[in-house]
Amino acid sequence: MYKPVKIEVCLVNLLLEEYKQNCIYEDLKEKGIDIENLLIDNFEIVLDIIGFPREKTFKYDISKLDAIEIDIQTGEPMKEVYFERNHLYYAFEDVLGSIKKVQHIEVLDSGLKLKEYVDLQLAHQKFTDFVEWLFIAFEDFKNSIK
């Protein structure tokens, strides 16, 4: 019998693929090969699927979030602001930075070689926790705009 996959599992897999893509990108960049134009931003896709508004497309009452945003021109607190994803990007960068590459030494006929590899189980767990946090953050956002 067919058992559908939970959306959370799919989102974790999208983030894991972006992480692997970024690891390959960094390795190639060190060798002087630039593939930045070929990168796919799966994190944006994940945010879209969860339902977060796109950058500066949704205006909401910030006072419901118990936050204060100051208008640069007037110096007065703003009542409404556009939604921005910056805090989500920063959180994602923190998760990426917390995933460490593992090093081991390979013995070759010509000597020793230090090799790095990614602990995909650790990355998977970090992304699972992060996707859970994203859903909580989205619920908090939805509740704040009611």
C-alpha atoms as a PDB file:
ATOM      1  CA  MET A   1       0.000   0.000   0.000  1.00  0.00           C
ATOM      2  CA  TYR A   2       1.248   3.464  -0.917  1.00  0.00           C
ATOM      3  CA  LYS A   3       2.098   5.671   2.045  1.00  0.00           C
ATOM      4  CA  PRO A   4       2.501   9.370   1.229  1.00  0.00           C
ATOM      5  CA  VAL A   5       5.633  11.142   2.386  1.00  0.00           C
ATOM      6  CA  LYS A   6       5.191  13.940   4.901  1.00  0.00           C
ATOM      7  CA  ILE A   7       5.929  17.410   3.573  1.00  0.00           C
ATOM      8  CA  GLU A   8       8.496  17.931   6.346  1.00  0.00           C
ATOM      9  CA  VAL A   9      10.585  15.052   4.988  1.00  0.00           C
ATOM     10  CA  CYS A  10      10.529  16.594   1.508  1.00  0.00           C
ATOM     11  CA  LEU A  11      11.563  19.997   2.874  1.00  0.00           C
ATOM     12  CA  VAL A  12      14.448  18.463   4.824  1.00  0.00           C
ATOM     13  CA  ASN A  13      15.586  16.694   1.648  1.00  0.00           C
ATOM     14  CA  LEU A  14      15.471  19.977  -0.292  1.00  0.00           C
ATOM     15  CA  LEU A  15      17.664  21.662   2.331  1.00  0.00           C
ATOM     16  CA  LEU A  16      20.031  18.689   2.388  1.00  0.00           C
ATOM     17  CA  GLU A  17      20.421  18.891  -1.392  1.00  0.00           C
ATOM     18  CA  GLU A  18      21.146  22.620  -1.148  1.00  0.00           C
ATOM     19  CA  TYR A  19      23.785  21.901   1.492  1.00  0.00           C
ATOM     20  CA  LYS A  20      25.456  19.254  -0.697  1.00  0.00           C
ATOM     21  CA  GLN A  21      25.312  21.653  -3.650  1.00  0.00           C
ATOM     22  CA  ASN A  22      26.973  24.370  -1.556  1.00  0.00           C
ATOM     23  CA  CYS A  23      29.725  21.971  -0.452  1.00  0.00           C
ATOM     24  CA  ILE A  24      30.493  21.128  -4.082  1.00  0.00           C
ATOM     25  CA  TYR A  25      30.362  24.834  -4.959  1.00  0.00           C
ATOM     26  CA  GLU A  26      32.897  25.689  -2.226  1.00  0.00           C
ATOM     27  CA  ASP A  27      35.233  22.882  -3.350  1.00  0.00           C
ATOM     28  CA  LEU A  28      35.105  24.044  -6.977  1.00  0.00           C
ATOM     29  CA  LYS A  29      35.516  27.688  -5.958  1.00  0.00           C
ATOM     30  CA  GLU A  30      38.751  26.773  -4.137  1.00  0.00           C
ATOM     31  CA  LYS A  31      39.972  25.248  -7.404  1.00  0.00           C
ATOM     32  CA  GLY A  32      39.114  28.437  -9.317  1.00  0.00           C
ATOM     33  CA  ILE A  33      35.903  27.187 -10.924  1.00  0.00           C
ATOM     34  CA  ASP A  34      32.870  29.457 -10.515  1.00  0.00           C
ATOM     35  CA  ILE A  35      29.440  27.857 -10.870  1.00  0.00           C
ATOM     36  CA  GLU A  36      27.483  30.414  -8.836  1.00  0.00           C
ATOM     37  CA  ASN A  37      25.058  31.064 -11.713  1.00  0.00           C
ATOM     38  CA  LEU A  38      24.111  27.380 -11.703  1.00  0.00           C
ATOM     39  CA  LEU A  39      23.159  27.166  -8.024  1.00  0.00           C
ATOM     40  CA  ILE A  40      19.538  26.484  -7.075  1.00  0.00           C
ATOM     41  CA  ASP A  41      18.224  28.251  -3.970  1.00  0.00           C
ATOM     42  CA  ASN A  42      16.189  25.468  -2.379  1.00  0.00           C
ATOM     43  CA  PHE A  43      15.819  27.453   0.844  1.00  0.00           C
ATOM     44  CA  GLU A  44      13.657  30.032  -0.968  1.00  0.00           C
ATOM     45  CA  ILE A  45      11.534  27.165  -2.297  1.00  0.00           C
ATOM     46  CA  VAL A  46      11.161  25.741   1.226  1.00  0.00           C
ATOM     47  CA  LEU A  47      10.047  29.136   2.564  1.00  0.00           C
ATOM     48  CA  ASP A  48       7.535  29.459  -0.287  1.00  0.00           C
ATOM     49  CA  ILE A  49       6.109  25.985   0.355  1.00  0.00           C
ATOM     50  CA  ILE A  50       5.691  26.661   4.074  1.00  0.00           C
ATOM     51  CA  GLY A  51       3.872  29.888   3.197  1.00  0.00           C
ATOM     52  CA  PHE A  52       6.176  32.710   4.247  1.00  0.00           C
ATOM     53  CA  PRO A  53       5.477  35.856   2.199  1.00  0.00           C
ATOM     54  CA  ARG A  54       8.060  36.900  -0.361  1.00  0.00           C
ATOM     55  CA  GLU A  55      10.328  39.841   0.470  1.00  0.00           C
ATOM     56  CA  LYS A  56       8.451  43.145   0.734  1.00  0.00           C
ATOM     57  CA  THR A  57       5.183  41.763  -0.662  1.00  0.00           C
ATOM     58  CA  PHE A  58       3.142  41.736   2.537  1.00  0.00           C
ATOM     59  CA  LYS A  59       2.544  44.670   4.854  1.00  0.00           C
ATOM     60  CA  TYR A  60       1.462  43.940   8.429  1.00  0.00           C
ATOM     61  CA  ASP A  61       0.961  45.595  11.798  1.00  0.00           C
ATOM     62  CA  ILE A  62       4.282  45.181  13.589  1.00  0.00           C
ATOM     63  CA  SER A  63       2.826  46.152  16.976  1.00  0.00           C
ATOM     64  CA  LYS A  64       1.149  42.729  17.151  1.00  0.00           C
ATOM     65  CA  LEU A  65       4.625  41.182  17.296  1.00  0.00           C
ATOM     66  CA  ASP A  66       5.616  43.363  20.266  1.00  0.00           C
ATOM     67  CA  ALA A  67       8.368  44.786  18.075  1.00  0.00           C
ATOM     68  CA  ILE A  68       9.347  48.318  17.231  1.00  0.00           C
ATOM     69  CA  GLU A  69      10.648  49.473  13.874  1.00  0.00           C
ATOM     70  CA  ILE A  70      11.760  53.096  13.574  1.00  0.00           C
ATOM     71  CA  ASP A  71      11.146  55.124  10.409  1.00  0.00           C
ATOM     72  CA  ILE A  72      14.572  56.421   9.374  1.00  0.00           C
ATOM     73  CA  GLN A  73      13.156  59.625   7.890  1.00  0.00           C
ATOM     74  CA  THR A  74      10.830  60.664  10.736  1.00  0.00           C
ATOM     75  CA  GLY A  75      12.401  58.906  13.722  1.00  0.00           C
ATOM     76  CA  GLU A  76       8.900  57.758  14.721  1.00  0.00           C
ATOM     77  CA  PRO A  77       7.856  54.158  15.410  1.00  0.00           C
ATOM     78  CA  MET A  78       6.279  52.568  12.354  1.00  0.00           C
ATOM     79  CA  LYS A  79       2.877  50.945  12.636  1.00  0.00           C
ATOM     80  CA  GLU A  80       3.104  48.831   9.501  1.00  0.00           C
ATOM     81  CA  VAL A  81       6.149  47.227   7.911  1.00  0.00           C
ATOM     82  CA  TYR A  82       6.775  44.927   4.978  1.00  0.00           C
ATOM     83  CA  PHE A  83       7.619  41.330   5.791  1.00  0.00           C
ATOM     84  CA  GLU A  84      11.274  40.492   5.241  1.00  0.00           C
ATOM     85  CA  ARG A  85      12.909  37.084   5.304  1.00  0.00           C
ATOM     86  CA  ASN A  86      16.256  38.290   6.686  1.00  0.00           C
ATOM     87  CA  HIS A  87      15.811  36.651  10.087  1.00  0.00           C
ATOM     88  CA  LEU A  88      15.061  33.356   8.333  1.00  0.00           C
ATOM     89  CA  TYR A  89      18.176  33.667   6.155  1.00  0.00           C
ATOM     90  CA  TYR A  90      20.314  34.367   9.229  1.00  0.00           C
ATOM     91  CA  ALA A  91      18.865  31.353  11.034  1.00  0.00           C
ATOM     92  CA  PHE A  92      19.604  29.162   7.990  1.00  0.00           C
ATOM     93  CA  GLU A  93      23.176  30.466   7.836  1.00  0.00           C
ATOM     94  CA  ASP A  94      23.577  29.571  11.524  1.00  0.00           C
ATOM     95  CA  VAL A  95      22.420  26.018  10.805  1.00  0.00           C
ATOM     96  CA  LEU A  96      24.786  25.713   7.838  1.00  0.00           C
ATOM     97  CA  GLY A  97      27.660  26.981   9.990  1.00  0.00           C
ATOM     98  CA  SER A  98      26.894  24.434  12.697  1.00  0.00           C
ATOM     99  CA  ILE A  99      27.418  21.493  10.332  1.00  0.00           C
ATOM    100  CA  LYS A 100      31.079  20.656  10.516  1.00  0.00           C
ATOM    101  CA  LYS A 101      33.024  18.708   7.959  1.00  0.00           C
ATOM    102  CA  VAL A 102      34.740  15.618   9.301  1.00  0.00           C
ATOM    103  CA  GLN A 103      38.404  15.073   8.480  1.00  0.00           C
ATOM    104  CA  HIS A 104      40.260  11.816   8.157  1.00  0.00           C
ATOM    105  CA  ILE A 105      43.691  10.833   6.946  1.00  0.00           C
ATOM    106  CA  GLU A 106      44.146   8.588   3.920  1.00  0.00           C
ATOM    107  CA  VAL A 107      47.330   6.604   3.522  1.00  0.00           C
ATOM    108  CA  LEU A 108      48.578   6.677  -0.067  1.00  0.00           C
ATOM    109  CA  ASP A 109      51.665   5.166  -1.693  1.00  0.00           C
ATOM    110  CA  SER A 110      52.980   8.710  -2.053  1.00  0.00           C
ATOM    111  CA  GLY A 111      52.249   9.716   1.554  1.00  0.00           C
ATOM    112  CA  LEU A 112      49.363  10.913   3.659  1.00  0.00           C
ATOM    113  CA  LYS A 113      46.383  12.912   2.462  1.00  0.00           C
ATOM    114  CA  LEU A 114      43.929  14.811   4.644  1.00  0.00           C
ATOM    115  CA  LYS A 115      40.398  14.359   3.320  1.00  0.00           C
ATOM    116  CA  GLU A 116      37.242  16.167   4.419  1.00  0.00           C
ATOM    117  CA  TYR A 117      33.745  14.817   4.124  1.00  0.00           C
ATOM    118  CA  VAL A 118      30.308  15.898   5.211  1.00  0.00           C
ATOM    119  CA  ASP A 119      28.484  14.101   8.006  1.00  0.00           C
ATOM    120  CA  LEU A 120      25.155  13.754   6.190  1.00  0.00           C
ATOM    121  CA  GLN A 121      23.436  12.195   9.214  1.00  0.00           C
ATOM    122  CA  LEU A 122      24.314  15.245  11.303  1.00  0.00           C
ATOM    123  CA  ALA A 123      23.214  17.561   8.484  1.00  0.00           C
ATOM    124  CA  HIS A 124      19.922  15.667   8.145  1.00  0.00           C
ATOM    125  CA  GLN A 125      19.224  16.007  11.878  1.00  0.00           C
ATOM    126  CA  LYS A 126      20.081  19.723  11.870  1.00  0.00           C
ATOM    127  CA  PHE A 127      17.767  20.330   8.902  1.00  0.00           C
ATOM    128  CA  THR A 128      14.989  18.278  10.510  1.00  0.00           C
ATOM    129  CA  ASP A 129      15.186  20.452  13.626  1.00  0.00           C
ATOM    130  CA  PHE A 130      15.347  23.586  11.479  1.00  0.00           C
ATOM    131  CA  VAL A 131      12.261  22.662   9.433  1.00  0.00           C
ATOM    132  CA  GLU A 132      10.352  22.064  12.687  1.00  0.00           C
ATOM    133  CA  TRP A 133      11.462  25.532  13.841  1.00  0.00           C
ATOM    134  CA  LEU A 134      10.359  27.069  10.517  1.00  0.00           C
ATOM    135  CA  PHE A 135       6.849  25.674  10.958  1.00  0.00           C
ATOM    136  CA  ILE A 136       6.711  27.087  14.498  1.00  0.00           C
ATOM    137  CA  ALA A 137       7.988  30.461  13.238  1.00  0.00           C
ATOM    138  CA  PHE A 138       5.347  30.452  10.507  1.00  0.00           C
ATOM    139  CA  GLU A 139       2.578  29.687  13.016  1.00  0.00           C
ATOM    140  CA  ASP A 140       3.846  32.542  15.209  1.00  0.00           C
ATOM    141  CA  PHE A 141       3.791  34.836  12.177  1.00  0.00           C
ATOM    142  CA  LYS A 142       0.259  33.757  11.186  1.00  0.00           C
ATOM    143  CA  ASN A 143      -0.995  34.272  14.741  1.00  0.00           C
ATOM    144  CA  SER A 144       0.573  37.729  14.863  1.00  0.00           C
ATOM    145  CA  ILE A 145      -1.352  38.956  11.821  1.00  0.00           C
ATOM    146  CA  LYS A 146      -4.812  37.784  12.879  1.00  0.00           C
END
